[in-house]
Amino acid sequence: MSGGPRDLDDESMLRIARSFYVVKMARYAALVVAALAIAALAASRGAPDWVPVTLAVLAVAFVAAMAVTRRRYLTARRRPPAGTSAPSPTG
């Protein structure tokens, strides 16, 4: 069985997709804040230079993951739901 459950209407599926999107974006945002906070703490405590740099790169990777997640969410919203496409021109 591909896709979602058949007993949910399109509006319900969109609400569920939005909920997953919001949770995922909140999780990434928290990871960005945590990575930057730990990087700042490491820099202030005299950790080797590579530690805060690595954590900053990790924060950038989380921001990139947020951008990809947003693009996927917006692309999926623009696609018509399965089963409601126009009939094929050949019959």
N, C-alpha and C. Protein backbone atom coordinates (compact mmCIF):
# COMPACT_ATOMS: atom_id res chain seq x y z
N MET A 1 0.84 -1.17 0.00
CA MET A 1 0.00 0.00 0.00
C MET A 1 0.89 1.23 0.00
N SER A 2 0.83 1.99 -1.06
CA SER A 2 1.63 3.20 -1.12
C SER A 2 0.76 4.39 -0.77
N GLY A 3 1.41 5.48 -0.35
CA GLY A 3 0.65 6.66 0.03
C GLY A 3 0.10 6.53 1.43
N GLY A 4 -0.97 7.27 1.67
CA GLY A 4 -1.57 7.26 3.00
C GLY A 4 -2.78 6.37 3.07
N PRO A 5 -3.40 6.33 4.23
CA PRO A 5 -4.61 5.53 4.38
C PRO A 5 -5.71 6.04 3.46
N ARG A 6 -6.53 5.15 2.95
CA ARG A 6 -7.56 5.54 1.98
C ARG A 6 -8.79 6.15 2.65
N ASP A 7 -8.93 6.03 3.96
CA ASP A 7 -10.11 6.56 4.61
C ASP A 7 -9.97 8.02 5.03
N LEU A 8 -8.84 8.65 4.72
CA LEU A 8 -8.63 10.06 5.03
C LEU A 8 -8.83 10.90 3.78
N ASP A 9 -9.50 12.02 3.94
CA ASP A 9 -9.69 12.90 2.79
C ASP A 9 -8.44 13.74 2.56
N ASP A 10 -8.41 14.47 1.47
CA ASP A 10 -7.23 15.25 1.10
C ASP A 10 -6.90 16.31 2.15
N GLU A 11 -7.91 16.94 2.70
CA GLU A 11 -7.68 17.98 3.70
C GLU A 11 -7.02 17.40 4.95
N SER A 12 -7.45 16.23 5.37
CA SER A 12 -6.84 15.58 6.53
C SER A 12 -5.40 15.21 6.26
N MET A 13 -5.14 14.71 5.07
CA MET A 13 -3.76 14.36 4.70
C MET A 13 -2.87 15.60 4.70
N LEU A 14 -3.38 16.73 4.22
CA LEU A 14 -2.62 17.97 4.22
C LEU A 14 -2.33 18.43 5.64
N ARG A 15 -3.31 18.28 6.53
CA ARG A 15 -3.09 18.65 7.93
C ARG A 15 -2.03 17.77 8.58
N ILE A 16 -2.07 16.49 8.29
CA ILE A 16 -1.07 15.57 8.84
C ILE A 16 0.31 15.91 8.30
N ALA A 17 0.40 16.17 7.01
CA ALA A 17 1.69 16.53 6.41
C ALA A 17 2.22 17.82 7.03
N ARG A 18 1.35 18.79 7.25
CA ARG A 18 1.78 20.04 7.86
C ARG A 18 2.27 19.80 9.28
N SER A 19 1.61 18.94 10.02
CA SER A 19 2.04 18.64 11.39
C SER A 19 3.44 18.03 11.40
N PHE A 20 3.68 17.08 10.51
CA PHE A 20 5.01 16.48 10.42
C PHE A 20 6.05 17.53 10.04
N TYR A 21 5.68 18.41 9.11
CA TYR A 21 6.59 19.48 8.67
C TYR A 21 6.94 20.40 9.84
N VAL A 22 5.95 20.82 10.60
CA VAL A 22 6.19 21.73 11.72
C VAL A 22 7.08 21.07 12.77
N VAL A 23 6.83 19.82 13.08
CA VAL A 23 7.64 19.12 14.07
C VAL A 23 9.08 18.98 13.59
N LYS A 24 9.25 18.63 12.32
CA LYS A 24 10.61 18.46 11.79
C LYS A 24 11.36 19.79 11.79
N MET A 25 10.70 20.88 11.39
CA MET A 25 11.36 22.18 11.36
C MET A 25 11.70 22.65 12.78
N ALA A 26 10.83 22.40 13.73
CA ALA A 26 11.11 22.78 15.12
C ALA A 26 12.30 22.00 15.66
N ARG A 27 12.37 20.73 15.31
CA ARG A 27 13.50 19.90 15.75
C ARG A 27 14.81 20.42 15.15
N TYR A 28 14.81 20.73 13.85
CA TYR A 28 16.02 21.27 13.23
C TYR A 28 16.41 22.61 13.85
N ALA A 29 15.43 23.46 14.12
CA ALA A 29 15.72 24.76 14.72
C ALA A 29 16.35 24.59 16.10
N ALA A 30 15.84 23.65 16.87
CA ALA A 30 16.41 23.39 18.19
C ALA A 30 17.84 22.86 18.07
N LEU A 31 18.09 22.03 17.08
CA LEU A 31 19.44 21.51 16.87
C LEU A 31 20.41 22.62 16.45
N VAL A 32 19.94 23.56 15.63
CA VAL A 32 20.78 24.70 15.23
C VAL A 32 21.14 25.52 16.46
N VAL A 33 20.15 25.85 17.27
CA VAL A 33 20.39 26.65 18.47
C VAL A 33 21.34 25.91 19.41
N ALA A 34 21.13 24.63 19.61
CA ALA A 34 21.99 23.86 20.51
C ALA A 34 23.42 23.80 19.99
N ALA A 35 23.59 23.55 18.69
CA ALA A 35 24.94 23.47 18.13
C ALA A 35 25.67 24.80 18.26
N LEU A 36 24.97 25.90 17.99
CA LEU A 36 25.60 27.22 18.11
C LEU A 36 25.89 27.58 19.57
N ALA A 37 25.01 27.20 20.47
CA ALA A 37 25.24 27.48 21.89
C ALA A 37 26.44 26.69 22.41
N ILE A 38 26.52 25.44 22.03
CA ILE A 38 27.66 24.62 22.46
C ILE A 38 28.95 25.13 21.83
N ALA A 39 28.88 25.58 20.57
CA ALA A 39 30.06 26.15 19.91
C ALA A 39 30.52 27.40 20.65
N ALA A 40 29.59 28.27 21.03
CA ALA A 40 29.95 29.48 21.76
C ALA A 40 30.54 29.14 23.13
N LEU A 41 29.95 28.18 23.79
CA LEU A 41 30.45 27.75 25.09
C LEU A 41 31.85 27.15 24.95
N ALA A 42 32.05 26.34 23.93
CA ALA A 42 33.37 25.73 23.72
C ALA A 42 34.42 26.80 23.41
N ALA A 43 34.04 27.80 22.62
CA ALA A 43 34.99 28.87 22.29
C ALA A 43 35.33 29.69 23.53
N SER A 44 34.35 29.93 24.39
CA SER A 44 34.60 30.74 25.59
C SER A 44 35.40 29.97 26.64
N ARG A 45 35.35 28.67 26.60
CA ARG A 45 36.07 27.84 27.58
C ARG A 45 37.46 27.44 27.12
N GLY A 46 37.86 27.91 25.95
CA GLY A 46 39.21 27.63 25.48
C GLY A 46 39.40 26.26 24.85
N ALA A 47 38.35 25.73 24.28
CA ALA A 47 38.46 24.44 23.59
C ALA A 47 39.31 24.62 22.34
N PRO A 48 39.86 23.53 21.81
CA PRO A 48 40.63 23.64 20.57
C PRO A 48 39.77 24.30 19.48
N ASP A 49 40.43 25.00 18.56
CA ASP A 49 39.72 25.77 17.53
C ASP A 49 38.79 24.91 16.69
N TRP A 50 39.13 23.66 16.49
CA TRP A 50 38.32 22.83 15.60
C TRP A 50 36.96 22.49 16.19
N VAL A 51 36.82 22.57 17.51
CA VAL A 51 35.55 22.20 18.15
C VAL A 51 34.43 23.18 17.79
N PRO A 52 34.61 24.50 18.03
CA PRO A 52 33.52 25.40 17.65
C PRO A 52 33.31 25.49 16.14
N VAL A 53 34.39 25.33 15.38
CA VAL A 53 34.25 25.35 13.92
C VAL A 53 33.42 24.16 13.45
N THR A 54 33.70 22.99 14.00
CA THR A 54 32.94 21.79 13.63
C THR A 54 31.47 21.94 14.02
N LEU A 55 31.20 22.49 15.18
CA LEU A 55 29.82 22.69 15.61
C LEU A 55 29.11 23.74 14.75
N ALA A 56 29.83 24.77 14.33
CA ALA A 56 29.23 25.76 13.43
C ALA A 56 28.90 25.14 12.08
N VAL A 57 29.79 24.29 11.58
CA VAL A 57 29.52 23.58 10.32
C VAL A 57 28.30 22.67 10.48
N LEU A 58 28.19 22.03 11.62
CA LEU A 58 27.03 21.19 11.90
C LEU A 58 25.74 22.02 11.90
N ALA A 59 25.80 23.22 12.48
CA ALA A 59 24.63 24.10 12.48
C ALA A 59 24.25 24.50 11.06
N VAL A 60 25.24 24.77 10.22
CA VAL A 60 24.97 25.09 8.81
C VAL A 60 24.33 23.90 8.11
N ALA A 61 24.79 22.70 8.42
CA ALA A 61 24.19 21.50 7.83
C ALA A 61 22.73 21.36 8.25
N PHE A 62 22.41 21.69 9.49
CA PHE A 62 21.01 21.64 9.94
C PHE A 62 20.16 22.68 9.22
N VAL A 63 20.73 23.86 8.99
CA VAL A 63 20.00 24.90 8.24
C VAL A 63 19.75 24.42 6.81
N ALA A 64 20.74 23.77 6.21
CA ALA A 64 20.56 23.22 4.86
C ALA A 64 19.47 22.15 4.85
N ALA A 65 19.45 21.32 5.88
CA ALA A 65 18.40 20.30 5.98
C ALA A 65 17.02 20.95 6.12
N MET A 66 16.96 22.07 6.81
CA MET A 66 15.70 22.80 6.92
C MET A 66 15.25 23.31 5.55
N ALA A 67 16.19 23.82 4.77
CA ALA A 67 15.85 24.32 3.43
C ALA A 67 15.34 23.19 2.54
N VAL A 68 16.00 22.04 2.60
CA VAL A 68 15.56 20.89 1.79
C VAL A 68 14.18 20.42 2.24
N THR A 69 13.96 20.37 3.54
CA THR A 69 12.66 19.96 4.07
C THR A 69 11.57 20.91 3.61
N ARG A 70 11.84 22.20 3.64
CA ARG A 70 10.85 23.19 3.20
C ARG A 70 10.54 23.02 1.72
N ARG A 71 11.59 22.84 0.92
CA ARG A 71 11.38 22.67 -0.53
C ARG A 71 10.53 21.43 -0.80
N ARG A 72 10.83 20.33 -0.12
CA ARG A 72 10.05 19.10 -0.31
C ARG A 72 8.59 19.29 0.10
N TYR A 73 8.39 19.97 1.22
CA TYR A 73 7.03 20.21 1.69
C TYR A 73 6.24 21.05 0.70
N LEU A 74 6.84 22.14 0.22
CA LEU A 74 6.14 23.01 -0.72
C LEU A 74 5.89 22.30 -2.05
N THR A 75 6.84 21.49 -2.50
CA THR A 75 6.66 20.74 -3.75
C THR A 75 5.52 19.74 -3.59
N ALA A 76 5.47 19.06 -2.48
CA ALA A 76 4.42 18.06 -2.25
C ALA A 76 3.05 18.72 -2.16
N ARG A 77 2.99 19.93 -1.63
CA ARG A 77 1.70 20.63 -1.53
C ARG A 77 1.16 21.03 -2.90
N ARG A 78 2.06 21.33 -3.84
CA ARG A 78 1.63 21.76 -5.17
C ARG A 78 1.17 20.60 -6.03
N ARG A 79 1.64 19.38 -5.73
CA ARG A 79 1.24 18.20 -6.51
C ARG A 79 -0.21 17.86 -6.27
N PRO A 80 -0.95 17.49 -7.32
CA PRO A 80 -2.34 17.08 -7.09
C PRO A 80 -2.37 15.75 -6.33
N PRO A 81 -3.38 15.54 -5.52
CA PRO A 81 -3.48 14.28 -4.78
C PRO A 81 -3.58 13.09 -5.73
N ALA A 82 -3.11 11.95 -5.28
CA ALA A 82 -3.15 10.74 -6.10
C ALA A 82 -4.59 10.36 -6.38
N GLY A 83 -4.84 9.96 -7.62
CA GLY A 83 -6.17 9.50 -7.99
C GLY A 83 -7.09 10.58 -8.51
N THR A 84 -6.63 11.85 -8.48
CA THR A 84 -7.49 12.92 -8.98
C THR A 84 -6.92 13.59 -10.21
N SER A 85 -5.98 12.93 -10.86
CA SER A 85 -5.38 13.53 -12.04
C SER A 85 -6.35 13.45 -13.22
N ALA A 86 -6.07 14.25 -14.22
CA ALA A 86 -6.92 14.27 -15.41
C ALA A 86 -6.80 12.95 -16.15
N PRO A 87 -7.84 12.55 -16.86
CA PRO A 87 -7.75 11.30 -17.62
C PRO A 87 -6.71 11.41 -18.73
N SER A 88 -6.15 10.27 -19.08
CA SER A 88 -5.12 10.28 -20.12
C SER A 88 -5.76 10.58 -21.48
N PRO A 89 -5.02 11.24 -22.37
CA PRO A 89 -5.58 11.58 -23.67
C PRO A 89 -5.84 10.36 -24.55
N THR A 90 -5.22 9.24 -24.23
CA THR A 90 -5.40 8.04 -25.06
C THR A 90 -6.59 7.21 -24.60
N GLY A 91 -7.22 7.58 -23.52
CA GLY A 91 -8.42 6.83 -23.18
C GLY A 91 -8.37 6.28 -21.84
